[in-house]
Amino acid sequence: MISVVRYARIPYATIEDRAFVLYDHIFDSIIDWRTESPAFNGVAGWFGIIGKRSEEFFTDEGKERECRITIDLAVTARI
């Protein structure tokens, strides 16, 4: 899960864009780890992102706006 919180006056699209920049870095990190550590050190044989959702929340009595991206992964066990 990725969470970016900013002042409520900032447009949601701006906050969401930042959250997706972080998502891209996390995805790249997972791909790099898979490349550098074959089969995730023997734990998994394959993985893929099967879904991601972006949701808007207000926190701190409406003073802050949050973009929360939830990432769903599918992972197979290594045999």
Protein backbone atom coordinates (compact mmCIF):
# COMPACT_ATOMS: atom_id res chain seq x y z
CA MET A 1 0.00 0.00 0.00
CA ILE A 2 1.23 3.47 -0.89
CA SER A 3 -0.05 6.53 0.92
CA VAL A 4 0.61 10.18 0.08
CA VAL A 5 -0.89 12.87 2.31
CA ARG A 6 -0.91 16.59 1.52
CA TYR A 7 -2.96 19.65 2.47
CA ALA A 8 -6.62 19.34 1.43
CA ARG A 9 -6.36 22.41 -0.81
CA ILE A 10 -3.99 20.56 -3.16
CA PRO A 11 -5.91 18.93 -6.03
CA TYR A 12 -6.35 15.18 -5.72
CA ALA A 13 -4.87 14.62 -9.19
CA THR A 14 -1.59 16.19 -8.02
CA ILE A 15 -1.44 13.95 -4.96
CA GLU A 16 -2.37 10.88 -7.02
CA ASP A 17 0.38 11.67 -9.56
CA ARG A 18 2.93 11.67 -6.72
CA ALA A 19 1.59 8.37 -5.41
CA PHE A 20 1.96 6.79 -8.85
CA VAL A 21 5.57 8.04 -9.07
CA LEU A 22 6.22 6.12 -5.84
CA TYR A 23 4.35 3.12 -7.27
CA ASP A 24 6.66 3.14 -10.31
CA HIS A 25 9.74 3.14 -8.04
CA ILE A 26 8.38 0.26 -5.97
CA PHE A 27 7.53 -1.74 -9.09
CA ASP A 28 11.01 -1.14 -10.53
CA SER A 29 12.54 -2.21 -7.21
CA ILE A 30 10.59 -5.48 -7.25
CA ILE A 31 11.69 -6.15 -10.84
CA ASP A 32 15.33 -5.38 -9.93
CA TRP A 33 15.15 -7.68 -6.92
CA ARG A 34 13.72 -10.45 -9.09
CA THR A 35 16.56 -9.96 -11.58
CA GLU A 36 19.32 -9.80 -8.97
CA SER A 37 17.91 -12.53 -6.74
CA PRO A 38 16.52 -15.28 -9.00
CA ALA A 39 13.15 -16.60 -7.89
CA PHE A 40 13.19 -14.37 -4.81
CA ASN A 41 15.81 -16.51 -3.08
CA GLY A 42 13.82 -19.63 -3.85
CA VAL A 43 10.61 -18.40 -2.23
CA ALA A 44 8.55 -17.58 -5.33
CA GLY A 45 8.56 -18.77 -8.90
CA TRP A 46 6.56 -15.96 -10.48
CA PHE A 47 4.70 -12.81 -9.51
CA GLY A 48 2.51 -10.29 -11.24
CA ILE A 49 0.43 -7.28 -10.36
CA ILE A 50 -3.21 -8.24 -10.77
CA GLY A 51 -4.72 -4.98 -9.64
CA LYS A 52 -4.17 -1.57 -8.19
CA ARG A 53 -6.70 0.91 -6.88
CA SER A 54 -6.43 4.56 -6.04
CA GLU A 55 -8.67 5.87 -3.26
CA GLU A 56 -9.11 9.36 -1.83
CA PHE A 57 -9.42 9.99 1.91
CA PHE A 58 -9.55 13.07 4.10
CA THR A 59 -7.66 13.05 7.38
CA ASP A 60 -7.12 15.36 10.33
CA GLU A 61 -10.68 16.76 10.31
CA GLY A 62 -10.57 17.48 6.57
CA LYS A 63 -7.34 19.47 6.68
CA GLU A 64 -5.38 16.85 4.74
CA ARG A 65 -6.14 14.84 1.62
CA GLU A 66 -4.70 11.35 1.12
CA CYS A 67 -4.21 9.21 -1.96
CA ARG A 68 -3.93 5.57 -1.04
CA ILE A 69 -2.92 3.07 -3.72
CA THR A 70 -3.44 -0.59 -2.89
CA ILE A 71 -1.48 -3.07 -5.01
CA ASP A 72 -2.64 -6.68 -5.39
CA LEU A 73 -0.01 -9.25 -6.33
CA ALA A 74 -0.34 -12.80 -7.59
CA VAL A 75 2.56 -15.02 -6.53
CA THR A 76 3.26 -18.67 -7.27
CA ALA A 77 5.27 -20.85 -4.95
CA ARG A 78 8.53 -22.20 -6.27
CA ILE A 79 8.41 -25.96 -6.67
